[in-house]
Amino acid sequence: MTNTDPNRVLSDYEKRVAALLEKAEEAKAQIRNLTGSATSQDGAVTMTVSAAGALVDLSFGAEAEGMPRARLAAMVMATARRAQAQATQRITEIMAPIIGDNSDAMRFLHEQVPPVEVPDEPPPAPPVLRQFNEEEAAEPLRPTPVQQPRPARATDEDEHDYDQGDPFNRGDK
């Protein structure tokens, strides 16, 4: 039998609990200030969300100019989900050292903060056909000039024909 001092065991336990509480407070502060950010592949949309998924910031790049609204909306939603997924992953990373990677507490955390499905970005929109204003529409269409093929280069035989004098009199008589 080992002789253990109950006061020492209690003191060690209290130190471990105090250290765990300190880590929990640090994690709480990190999660409170945590954000997730994402930018669409083409740079049209940049979004930041809180740990709870609430919108913190949204900005549009030059690529968003003239983009069809339906495509822009789909891109905003896809970018928001990627930012949310980043925030959720960060929560798990913060909590893992405190509660353990494969613990009941981690399973509970995953139940409370389920993984976010990240959709693919919408495919690029087809090019928009240019619409003419009234002035342009009233102008007659001008035919595009067609390039004529270059004449064939003269052969040696052609060059000698010019030296024979009258082209109408070939000496056939």
N, C-alpha and C. Protein backbone atom coordinates (compact mmCIF):
# COMPACT_ATOMS: atom_id res chain seq x y z
N MET A 1 0.82 -1.17 0.00
CA MET A 1 0.00 0.00 0.00
C MET A 1 0.88 1.25 0.00
N THR A 2 0.43 2.22 -0.78
CA THR A 2 1.20 3.46 -0.83
C THR A 2 0.59 4.45 0.14
N ASN A 3 1.45 5.20 0.68
CA ASN A 3 1.02 6.20 1.65
C ASN A 3 0.89 7.53 0.90
N THR A 4 -0.34 7.96 0.61
CA THR A 4 -0.56 9.23 -0.06
C THR A 4 -1.23 10.19 0.90
N ASP A 5 -0.76 11.37 0.81
CA ASP A 5 -1.28 12.44 1.67
C ASP A 5 -2.54 13.01 1.03
N PRO A 6 -3.70 12.89 1.67
CA PRO A 6 -4.95 13.41 1.09
C PRO A 6 -4.88 14.90 0.81
N ASN A 7 -4.16 15.64 1.62
CA ASN A 7 -4.05 17.09 1.39
C ASN A 7 -3.28 17.39 0.10
N ARG A 8 -2.25 16.57 -0.15
CA ARG A 8 -1.45 16.76 -1.37
C ARG A 8 -2.29 16.41 -2.61
N VAL A 9 -3.05 15.33 -2.53
CA VAL A 9 -3.91 14.92 -3.65
C VAL A 9 -4.93 16.03 -3.93
N LEU A 10 -5.53 16.55 -2.88
CA LEU A 10 -6.51 17.62 -3.04
C LEU A 10 -5.86 18.87 -3.62
N SER A 11 -4.67 19.21 -3.16
CA SER A 11 -3.95 20.38 -3.66
C SER A 11 -3.61 20.23 -5.14
N ASP A 12 -3.14 19.05 -5.56
CA ASP A 12 -2.84 18.79 -6.98
C ASP A 12 -4.10 18.90 -7.83
N TYR A 13 -5.19 18.36 -7.31
CA TYR A 13 -6.47 18.41 -8.02
C TYR A 13 -6.92 19.86 -8.19
N GLU A 14 -6.82 20.65 -7.14
CA GLU A 14 -7.22 22.05 -7.22
C GLU A 14 -6.36 22.81 -8.22
N LYS A 15 -5.07 22.50 -8.31
CA LYS A 15 -4.17 23.15 -9.28
C LYS A 15 -4.58 22.79 -10.71
N ARG A 16 -4.90 21.53 -10.92
CA ARG A 16 -5.31 21.09 -12.27
C ARG A 16 -6.63 21.76 -12.67
N VAL A 17 -7.57 21.83 -11.72
CA VAL A 17 -8.86 22.47 -12.00
C VAL A 17 -8.65 23.96 -12.30
N ALA A 18 -7.78 24.61 -11.53
CA ALA A 18 -7.51 26.04 -11.75
C ALA A 18 -6.87 26.26 -13.12
N ALA A 19 -5.94 25.39 -13.52
CA ALA A 19 -5.30 25.50 -14.83
C ALA A 19 -6.32 25.27 -15.94
N LEU A 20 -7.21 24.31 -15.73
CA LEU A 20 -8.24 24.02 -16.72
C LEU A 20 -9.21 25.20 -16.85
N LEU A 21 -9.57 25.79 -15.73
CA LEU A 21 -10.46 26.96 -15.77
C LEU A 21 -9.79 28.12 -16.50
N GLU A 22 -8.49 28.29 -16.29
CA GLU A 22 -7.77 29.36 -16.97
C GLU A 22 -7.76 29.12 -18.49
N LYS A 23 -7.51 27.88 -18.89
CA LYS A 23 -7.54 27.54 -20.32
C LYS A 23 -8.95 27.75 -20.89
N ALA A 24 -9.96 27.41 -20.11
CA ALA A 24 -11.34 27.58 -20.56
C ALA A 24 -11.67 29.06 -20.75
N GLU A 25 -11.20 29.91 -19.87
CA GLU A 25 -11.42 31.35 -20.00
C GLU A 25 -10.70 31.90 -21.23
N GLU A 26 -9.48 31.41 -21.48
CA GLU A 26 -8.74 31.84 -22.68
C GLU A 26 -9.49 31.41 -23.93
N ALA A 27 -9.99 30.18 -23.92
CA ALA A 27 -10.74 29.67 -25.08
C ALA A 27 -12.01 30.49 -25.28
N LYS A 28 -12.68 30.83 -24.19
CA LYS A 28 -13.90 31.63 -24.27
C LYS A 28 -13.61 32.98 -24.91
N ALA A 29 -12.50 33.62 -24.51
CA ALA A 29 -12.14 34.91 -25.08
C ALA A 29 -11.77 34.76 -26.57
N GLN A 30 -11.06 33.69 -26.92
CA GLN A 30 -10.69 33.47 -28.32
C GLN A 30 -11.94 33.26 -29.17
N ILE A 31 -12.88 32.47 -28.66
CA ILE A 31 -14.10 32.19 -29.43
C ILE A 31 -14.96 33.45 -29.54
N ARG A 32 -15.00 34.25 -28.49
CA ARG A 32 -15.79 35.49 -28.51
C ARG A 32 -15.29 36.41 -29.63
N ASN A 33 -13.98 36.45 -29.86
CA ASN A 33 -13.39 37.33 -30.86
C ASN A 33 -13.12 36.64 -32.20
N LEU A 34 -13.51 35.39 -32.29
CA LEU A 34 -13.21 34.59 -33.47
C LEU A 34 -14.04 35.01 -34.67
N THR A 35 -13.40 35.04 -35.83
CA THR A 35 -14.11 35.27 -37.09
C THR A 35 -13.58 34.29 -38.12
N GLY A 36 -14.36 34.09 -39.13
CA GLY A 36 -13.93 33.31 -40.28
C GLY A 36 -14.09 34.19 -41.50
N SER A 37 -13.12 34.13 -42.39
CA SER A 37 -13.17 34.96 -43.60
C SER A 37 -12.95 34.11 -44.83
N ALA A 38 -13.55 34.52 -45.93
CA ALA A 38 -13.37 33.83 -47.20
C ALA A 38 -13.55 34.84 -48.33
N THR A 39 -12.87 34.54 -49.43
CA THR A 39 -12.98 35.34 -50.65
C THR A 39 -13.29 34.40 -51.80
N SER A 40 -14.19 34.81 -52.68
CA SER A 40 -14.52 33.98 -53.83
C SER A 40 -13.27 33.83 -54.70
N GLN A 41 -13.26 32.78 -55.50
CA GLN A 41 -12.09 32.49 -56.32
C GLN A 41 -11.73 33.63 -57.27
N ASP A 42 -12.72 34.33 -57.76
CA ASP A 42 -12.44 35.42 -58.70
C ASP A 42 -12.26 36.77 -58.01
N GLY A 43 -12.39 36.80 -56.68
CA GLY A 43 -12.20 38.05 -55.94
C GLY A 43 -13.40 38.97 -55.92
N ALA A 44 -14.53 38.52 -56.43
CA ALA A 44 -15.72 39.37 -56.48
C ALA A 44 -16.32 39.60 -55.10
N VAL A 45 -16.23 38.61 -54.20
CA VAL A 45 -16.88 38.69 -52.89
C VAL A 45 -15.89 38.33 -51.79
N THR A 46 -15.83 39.15 -50.75
CA THR A 46 -15.06 38.84 -49.55
C THR A 46 -15.99 39.00 -48.36
N MET A 47 -15.98 38.00 -47.48
CA MET A 47 -16.93 37.99 -46.37
C MET A 47 -16.24 37.56 -45.08
N THR A 48 -16.66 38.16 -43.97
CA THR A 48 -16.21 37.77 -42.65
C THR A 48 -17.44 37.52 -41.79
N VAL A 49 -17.42 36.39 -41.05
CA VAL A 49 -18.53 36.05 -40.16
C VAL A 49 -17.99 35.80 -38.76
N SER A 50 -18.87 35.92 -37.77
CA SER A 50 -18.49 35.65 -36.38
C SER A 50 -18.49 34.14 -36.14
N ALA A 51 -18.11 33.74 -34.93
CA ALA A 51 -18.11 32.32 -34.57
C ALA A 51 -19.52 31.73 -34.69
N ALA A 52 -20.53 32.54 -34.46
CA ALA A 52 -21.91 32.08 -34.57
C ALA A 52 -22.42 32.12 -36.01
N GLY A 53 -21.61 32.63 -36.95
CA GLY A 53 -22.02 32.69 -38.34
C GLY A 53 -22.66 34.01 -38.73
N ALA A 54 -22.71 34.97 -37.81
CA ALA A 54 -23.31 36.27 -38.12
C ALA A 54 -22.38 37.08 -39.01
N LEU A 55 -22.94 37.79 -39.95
CA LEU A 55 -22.17 38.62 -40.88
C LEU A 55 -21.48 39.75 -40.12
N VAL A 56 -20.16 39.84 -40.30
CA VAL A 56 -19.37 40.90 -39.69
C VAL A 56 -18.95 41.92 -40.73
N ASP A 57 -18.58 41.42 -41.93
CA ASP A 57 -18.12 42.32 -42.99
C ASP A 57 -18.39 41.67 -44.34
N LEU A 58 -18.72 42.51 -45.31
CA LEU A 58 -18.97 42.05 -46.67
C LEU A 58 -18.45 43.12 -47.61
N SER A 59 -17.64 42.70 -48.58
CA SER A 59 -17.16 43.67 -49.58
C SER A 59 -17.15 43.02 -50.95
N PHE A 60 -17.26 43.87 -51.95
CA PHE A 60 -17.29 43.41 -53.33
C PHE A 60 -16.08 43.96 -54.07
N GLY A 61 -15.43 43.11 -54.82
CA GLY A 61 -14.30 43.52 -55.64
C GLY A 61 -14.79 44.02 -56.99
N ALA A 62 -13.87 44.50 -57.79
CA ALA A 62 -14.20 45.02 -59.12
C ALA A 62 -14.87 43.95 -59.99
N GLU A 63 -14.56 42.70 -59.74
CA GLU A 63 -15.12 41.60 -60.52
C GLU A 63 -16.64 41.52 -60.38
N ALA A 64 -17.19 42.09 -59.30
CA ALA A 64 -18.64 42.05 -59.06
C ALA A 64 -19.39 43.06 -59.93
N GLU A 65 -18.67 44.05 -60.48
CA GLU A 65 -19.31 45.06 -61.33
C GLU A 65 -19.95 44.40 -62.54
N GLY A 66 -21.20 44.69 -62.76
CA GLY A 66 -21.89 44.18 -63.93
C GLY A 66 -22.25 42.70 -63.87
N MET A 67 -21.96 42.05 -62.75
CA MET A 67 -22.28 40.62 -62.62
C MET A 67 -23.80 40.48 -62.44
N PRO A 68 -24.41 39.51 -63.07
CA PRO A 68 -25.85 39.32 -62.86
C PRO A 68 -26.16 39.12 -61.38
N ARG A 69 -27.26 39.70 -60.92
CA ARG A 69 -27.60 39.66 -59.50
C ARG A 69 -27.75 38.25 -58.96
N ALA A 70 -28.34 37.36 -59.74
CA ALA A 70 -28.53 35.97 -59.28
C ALA A 70 -27.18 35.30 -59.05
N ARG A 71 -26.23 35.54 -59.94
CA ARG A 71 -24.89 34.95 -59.78
C ARG A 71 -24.18 35.57 -58.58
N LEU A 72 -24.29 36.87 -58.41
CA LEU A 72 -23.66 37.54 -57.27
C LEU A 72 -24.24 37.03 -55.96
N ALA A 73 -25.55 36.86 -55.91
CA ALA A 73 -26.20 36.34 -54.70
C ALA A 73 -25.70 34.93 -54.39
N ALA A 74 -25.61 34.08 -55.40
CA ALA A 74 -25.11 32.72 -55.20
C ALA A 74 -23.67 32.73 -54.72
N MET A 75 -22.88 33.65 -55.25
CA MET A 75 -21.48 33.76 -54.84
C MET A 75 -21.38 34.24 -53.39
N VAL A 76 -22.24 35.17 -52.99
CA VAL A 76 -22.26 35.65 -51.60
C VAL A 76 -22.57 34.48 -50.66
N MET A 77 -23.57 33.69 -51.01
CA MET A 77 -23.96 32.56 -50.15
C MET A 77 -22.84 31.52 -50.06
N ALA A 78 -22.22 31.19 -51.17
CA ALA A 78 -21.13 30.20 -51.16
C ALA A 78 -19.95 30.71 -50.35
N THR A 79 -19.64 31.99 -50.49
CA THR A 79 -18.51 32.58 -49.75
C THR A 79 -18.84 32.63 -48.25
N ALA A 80 -20.10 32.93 -47.91
CA ALA A 80 -20.51 32.95 -46.50
C ALA A 80 -20.35 31.57 -45.88
N ARG A 81 -20.71 30.54 -46.59
CA ARG A 81 -20.59 29.18 -46.05
C ARG A 81 -19.13 28.79 -45.86
N ARG A 82 -18.27 29.22 -46.77
CA ARG A 82 -16.84 28.91 -46.59
C ARG A 82 -16.28 29.66 -45.38
N ALA A 83 -16.71 30.89 -45.17
CA ALA A 83 -16.26 31.65 -44.00
C ALA A 83 -16.79 31.00 -42.73
N GLN A 84 -18.04 30.54 -42.76
CA GLN A 84 -18.63 29.84 -41.61
C GLN A 84 -17.88 28.56 -41.30
N ALA A 85 -17.54 27.82 -42.33
CA ALA A 85 -16.80 26.56 -42.13
C ALA A 85 -15.44 26.83 -41.51
N GLN A 86 -14.80 27.92 -41.91
CA GLN A 86 -13.51 28.28 -41.33
C GLN A 86 -13.67 28.60 -39.84
N ALA A 87 -14.71 29.34 -39.49
CA ALA A 87 -14.95 29.69 -38.09
C ALA A 87 -15.24 28.44 -37.26
N THR A 88 -16.06 27.54 -37.79
CA THR A 88 -16.38 26.30 -37.08
C THR A 88 -15.14 25.46 -36.84
N GLN A 89 -14.29 25.36 -37.85
CA GLN A 89 -13.04 24.60 -37.71
C GLN A 89 -12.16 25.22 -36.64
N ARG A 90 -12.13 26.52 -36.60
CA ARG A 90 -11.30 27.23 -35.60
C ARG A 90 -11.82 26.98 -34.18
N ILE A 91 -13.14 26.91 -34.00
CA ILE A 91 -13.70 26.60 -32.68
C ILE A 91 -13.22 25.22 -32.22
N THR A 92 -13.27 24.26 -33.11
CA THR A 92 -12.82 22.90 -32.78
C THR A 92 -11.34 22.91 -32.40
N GLU A 93 -10.53 23.64 -33.14
CA GLU A 93 -9.09 23.73 -32.85
C GLU A 93 -8.84 24.35 -31.48
N ILE A 94 -9.62 25.35 -31.12
CA ILE A 94 -9.46 26.02 -29.82
C ILE A 94 -9.86 25.09 -28.68
N MET A 95 -10.94 24.34 -28.86
CA MET A 95 -11.47 23.51 -27.78
C MET A 95 -10.76 22.16 -27.62
N ALA A 96 -10.16 21.64 -28.68
CA ALA A 96 -9.53 20.31 -28.62
C ALA A 96 -8.53 20.15 -27.48
N PRO A 97 -7.61 21.10 -27.22
CA PRO A 97 -6.66 20.91 -26.12
C PRO A 97 -7.32 20.89 -24.73
N ILE A 98 -8.50 21.47 -24.64
CA ILE A 98 -9.17 21.55 -23.34
C ILE A 98 -10.04 20.32 -23.09
N ILE A 99 -10.82 19.92 -24.09
CA ILE A 99 -11.77 18.83 -23.87
C ILE A 99 -11.34 17.51 -24.52
N GLY A 100 -10.30 17.56 -25.35
CA GLY A 100 -9.82 16.33 -25.99
C GLY A 100 -10.47 16.14 -27.35
N ASP A 101 -9.68 15.57 -28.27
CA ASP A 101 -10.16 15.38 -29.64
C ASP A 101 -11.27 14.34 -29.74
N ASN A 102 -11.19 13.30 -28.93
CA ASN A 102 -12.13 12.18 -29.06
C ASN A 102 -12.88 11.97 -27.74
N SER A 103 -13.46 13.04 -27.24
CA SER A 103 -14.15 12.95 -25.95
C SER A 103 -15.66 13.13 -26.15
N ASP A 104 -16.40 12.82 -25.12
CA ASP A 104 -17.84 13.05 -25.15
C ASP A 104 -18.13 14.55 -25.31
N ALA A 105 -17.29 15.36 -24.67
CA ALA A 105 -17.47 16.81 -24.77
C ALA A 105 -17.26 17.28 -26.22
N MET A 106 -16.26 16.71 -26.92
CA MET A 106 -16.02 17.10 -28.32
C MET A 106 -17.18 16.63 -29.19
N ARG A 107 -17.69 15.44 -28.93
CA ARG A 107 -18.85 14.96 -29.69
C ARG A 107 -20.05 15.89 -29.46
N PHE A 108 -20.23 16.33 -28.22
CA PHE A 108 -21.30 17.27 -27.91
C PHE A 108 -21.10 18.58 -28.68
N LEU A 109 -19.86 19.06 -28.71
CA LEU A 109 -19.55 20.29 -29.44
C LEU A 109 -19.91 20.14 -30.92
N HIS A 110 -19.55 19.00 -31.51
CA HIS A 110 -19.88 18.76 -32.92
C HIS A 110 -21.39 18.70 -33.15
N GLU A 111 -22.12 18.21 -32.16
CA GLU A 111 -23.58 18.19 -32.28
C GLU A 111 -24.16 19.61 -32.23
N GLN A 112 -23.55 20.46 -31.40
CA GLN A 112 -24.05 21.83 -31.24
C GLN A 112 -23.61 22.73 -32.39
N VAL A 113 -22.43 22.46 -32.93
CA VAL A 113 -21.89 23.25 -34.04
C VAL A 113 -21.59 22.28 -35.17
N PRO A 114 -22.65 21.88 -35.89
CA PRO A 114 -22.44 20.89 -36.95
C PRO A 114 -21.56 21.45 -38.07
N PRO A 115 -20.88 20.56 -38.78
CA PRO A 115 -20.04 21.06 -39.88
C PRO A 115 -20.90 21.74 -40.94
N VAL A 116 -20.35 22.74 -41.54
CA VAL A 116 -21.05 23.52 -42.55
C VAL A 116 -20.74 22.90 -43.91
N GLU A 117 -21.78 22.66 -44.69
CA GLU A 117 -21.58 22.16 -46.05
C GLU A 117 -21.13 23.33 -46.91
N VAL A 118 -19.99 23.15 -47.56
CA VAL A 118 -19.44 24.21 -48.38
C VAL A 118 -19.74 23.90 -49.84
N PRO A 119 -20.61 24.70 -50.45
CA PRO A 119 -20.94 24.46 -51.86
C PRO A 119 -19.83 24.96 -52.77
N ASP A 120 -19.81 24.45 -53.97
CA ASP A 120 -18.90 24.98 -54.98
C ASP A 120 -19.41 26.35 -55.40
N GLU A 121 -18.49 27.16 -55.88
CA GLU A 121 -18.91 28.45 -56.40
C GLU A 121 -19.70 28.23 -57.67
N PRO A 122 -20.63 29.13 -57.95
CA PRO A 122 -21.39 28.99 -59.20
C PRO A 122 -20.44 29.11 -60.39
N PRO A 123 -20.73 28.39 -61.47
CA PRO A 123 -19.86 28.48 -62.65
C PRO A 123 -19.92 29.88 -63.24
N PRO A 124 -18.90 30.24 -63.99
CA PRO A 124 -18.90 31.59 -64.58
C PRO A 124 -20.12 31.79 -65.47
N ALA A 125 -20.63 32.99 -65.44
CA ALA A 125 -21.80 33.32 -66.24
C ALA A 125 -21.39 33.44 -67.71
N PRO A 126 -22.30 33.10 -68.61
CA PRO A 126 -21.98 33.28 -70.02
C PRO A 126 -21.80 34.76 -70.31
N PRO A 127 -21.01 35.09 -71.32
CA PRO A 127 -20.79 36.51 -71.62
C PRO A 127 -22.11 37.19 -71.99
N VAL A 128 -22.24 38.42 -71.55
CA VAL A 128 -23.44 39.19 -71.84
C VAL A 128 -23.28 39.82 -73.21
N LEU A 129 -24.30 39.63 -74.05
CA LEU A 129 -24.25 40.24 -75.37
C LEU A 129 -24.44 41.74 -75.24
N ARG A 130 -23.69 42.46 -76.02
CA ARG A 130 -23.74 43.91 -75.98
C ARG A 130 -25.04 44.39 -76.61
N GLN A 131 -25.71 45.31 -75.94
CA GLN A 131 -26.93 45.88 -76.48
C GLN A 131 -26.61 47.24 -77.06
N PHE A 132 -27.21 47.53 -78.21
CA PHE A 132 -26.95 48.78 -78.89
C PHE A 132 -27.90 49.85 -78.40
N ASN A 133 -27.40 51.09 -78.36
CA ASN A 133 -28.30 52.20 -78.05
C ASN A 133 -29.01 52.61 -79.34
N GLU A 134 -29.92 53.56 -79.26
CA GLU A 134 -30.73 53.93 -80.42
C GLU A 134 -29.89 54.46 -81.57
N GLU A 135 -28.87 55.27 -81.27
CA GLU A 135 -28.01 55.82 -82.33
C GLU A 135 -27.29 54.70 -83.08
N GLU A 136 -26.72 53.78 -82.32
CA GLU A 136 -25.98 52.68 -82.95
C GLU A 136 -26.92 51.80 -83.77
N ALA A 137 -28.12 51.58 -83.27
CA ALA A 137 -29.08 50.73 -83.97
C ALA A 137 -29.55 51.39 -85.28
N ALA A 138 -29.58 52.73 -85.33
CA ALA A 138 -30.03 53.44 -86.52
C ALA A 138 -28.97 53.46 -87.62
N GLU A 139 -27.72 53.29 -87.26
CA GLU A 139 -26.64 53.32 -88.27
C GLU A 139 -26.74 52.10 -89.16
N PRO A 140 -26.60 52.31 -90.48
CA PRO A 140 -26.64 51.13 -91.37
C PRO A 140 -25.40 50.28 -91.15
N LEU A 141 -25.60 49.01 -91.34
CA LEU A 141 -24.47 48.10 -91.21
C LEU A 141 -23.57 48.26 -92.42
N ARG A 142 -22.31 48.35 -92.18
CA ARG A 142 -21.35 48.46 -93.28
C ARG A 142 -20.76 47.09 -93.52
N PRO A 143 -20.70 46.68 -94.75
CA PRO A 143 -20.13 45.36 -95.01
C PRO A 143 -18.65 45.34 -94.67
N THR A 144 -18.23 44.25 -94.21
CA THR A 144 -16.82 44.07 -93.89
C THR A 144 -16.08 43.82 -95.19
N PRO A 145 -15.03 44.59 -95.48
CA PRO A 145 -14.32 44.36 -96.74
C PRO A 145 -13.72 42.95 -96.76
N VAL A 146 -13.85 42.35 -97.94
CA VAL A 146 -13.31 41.01 -98.11
C VAL A 146 -11.96 41.16 -98.78
N GLN A 147 -10.97 40.54 -98.25
CA GLN A 147 -9.65 40.60 -98.86
C GLN A 147 -9.62 39.70 -100.09
N GLN A 148 -9.17 40.29 -101.18
CA GLN A 148 -9.02 39.53 -102.41
C GLN A 148 -7.72 38.75 -102.34
N PRO A 149 -7.73 37.54 -102.93
CA PRO A 149 -6.48 36.79 -102.92
C PRO A 149 -5.44 37.51 -103.77
N ARG A 150 -4.21 37.38 -103.41
CA ARG A 150 -3.12 38.00 -104.16
C ARG A 150 -2.97 37.30 -105.50
N PRO A 151 -2.69 38.05 -106.54
CA PRO A 151 -2.49 37.40 -107.84
C PRO A 151 -1.28 36.48 -107.79
N ALA A 152 -1.36 35.44 -108.60
CA ALA A 152 -0.25 34.49 -108.64
C ALA A 152 0.99 35.19 -109.19
N ARG A 153 2.11 34.78 -108.74
CA ARG A 153 3.38 35.36 -109.19
C ARG A 153 3.65 34.90 -110.63
N ALA A 154 4.16 35.81 -111.41
CA ALA A 154 4.44 35.49 -112.81
C ALA A 154 5.50 34.39 -112.90
N THR A 155 5.33 33.50 -113.87
CA THR A 155 6.31 32.44 -114.09
C THR A 155 7.33 32.91 -115.10
N ASP A 156 8.38 32.16 -115.27
CA ASP A 156 9.41 32.51 -116.24
C ASP A 156 8.83 32.57 -117.64
N GLU A 157 7.89 31.67 -117.94
CA GLU A 157 7.28 31.64 -119.27
C GLU A 157 6.52 32.93 -119.53
N ASP A 158 5.80 33.46 -118.49
CA ASP A 158 5.06 34.71 -118.64
C ASP A 158 6.00 35.86 -118.94
N GLU A 159 7.14 35.88 -118.29
CA GLU A 159 8.09 36.98 -118.49
C GLU A 159 8.60 36.99 -119.93
N HIS A 160 8.80 35.83 -120.53
CA HIS A 160 9.31 35.76 -121.90
C HIS A 160 8.24 36.18 -122.91
N ASP A 161 6.97 35.99 -122.60
CA ASP A 161 5.91 36.37 -123.51
C ASP A 161 5.92 37.87 -123.79
N TYR A 162 6.29 38.68 -122.84
CA TYR A 162 6.27 40.12 -123.01
C TYR A 162 7.37 40.58 -123.98
N ASP A 163 8.36 39.78 -124.15
CA ASP A 163 9.46 40.17 -125.02
C ASP A 163 9.16 39.88 -126.49
N GLN A 164 8.07 39.27 -126.82
CA GLN A 164 7.82 38.83 -128.19
C GLN A 164 7.05 39.85 -129.02
N GLY A 165 6.85 41.02 -128.53
CA GLY A 165 6.21 42.05 -129.34
C GLY A 165 4.71 42.06 -129.19
N ASP A 166 4.00 42.15 -130.32
CA ASP A 166 2.55 42.31 -130.36
C ASP A 166 1.87 41.09 -129.75
N PRO A 167 1.06 41.28 -128.75
CA PRO A 167 0.42 40.14 -128.11
C PRO A 167 -0.68 39.52 -128.97
N PHE A 168 -1.17 40.31 -129.96
CA PHE A 168 -2.22 39.78 -130.82
C PHE A 168 -1.66 39.01 -132.01
N ASN A 169 -0.42 39.22 -132.25
CA ASN A 169 0.20 38.53 -133.38
C ASN A 169 1.30 37.62 -132.82
N ARG A 170 1.01 36.37 -132.73
CA ARG A 170 1.95 35.43 -132.14
C ARG A 170 2.73 34.68 -133.23
N GLY A 171 2.49 35.00 -134.35
CA GLY A 171 3.23 34.33 -135.42
C GLY A 171 2.58 33.02 -135.81
N ASP A 172 1.29 32.85 -135.55
CA ASP A 172 0.57 31.63 -135.88
C ASP A 172 0.29 31.55 -137.38
N LYS A 173 0.50 32.57 -138.09
CA LYS A 173 0.15 32.59 -139.50
C LYS A 173 1.10 31.83 -140.31
